């Protein structure tokens, strides 16, 4: 259980929506997008599909996007493709993010994909950015929720929040995919550095010297990032109990390093 006076922070939005899912989808699964206006009959989509078959540059690393047809604002948007890709990640590795597969999932032709993204790698970048922006926003909400609490309770509230929020393996697969992309690797490293620095400040508040605080913060952040990989198949209450025992272990060890 969180420390005295701290109420477990509940993630914004429906609890059964994977973290990273756009709020406008609410409780409705991505498959409900099929009810939206379809673009299958669009002559533009058919022409684009035909051009892709004869021009490999469109499906490769081309920087040219098809012109948006009139009335494009009523089509499925960029966030819909990101949401579909996020849901697909829950079913396997980043290899599940395929343009044809996602087009079938949301009920459009693959041509509409190129209204919003240059290629598949561009979509993966967008999914990572959306995920990291939500992490940053949620971290800010947690910080405000725990203002005035002890450093130990603030650390636990973050860990508790992550366990309750991460209900699928998407973040694991994205980190694995980032290993093949120098750009994504740097992006994730920047995010990790910011989180570790924030945690190090809390360990400093506990009285640890800066160097020791940085090491404990790195350890604590590693525990949080890898929690779902270790215990994601367990019931939530078991995950929380294990996370709490790990938190207590690190905090007790950190106190022994404090000169106070």
Foldseek 3Di string as FASTA:
>chain_A
DFDPPADQDEDPADLPDAQLQDRVCGPPALLVLLPADECAPPPQLVVQVVVVVVDVCQADQNPDFDDQDPPNVSDDDLSSLLNLQLVLCLVDANVSQDLCNSCVSNVYHSSVVRVHASYSVRSLVVNLVSNLVSVVVVLVVLCVSQPPHALLSSLLSNLSRLLSRHQGCNLVRSVVVCVVPPVSVVVVVVSLVVQLVVQLVRLVSLAADSVVSSVLSNVSSVCSSCLCVVDSVDDSVVSSVVNVVVSVVSVVVSNVRHPD
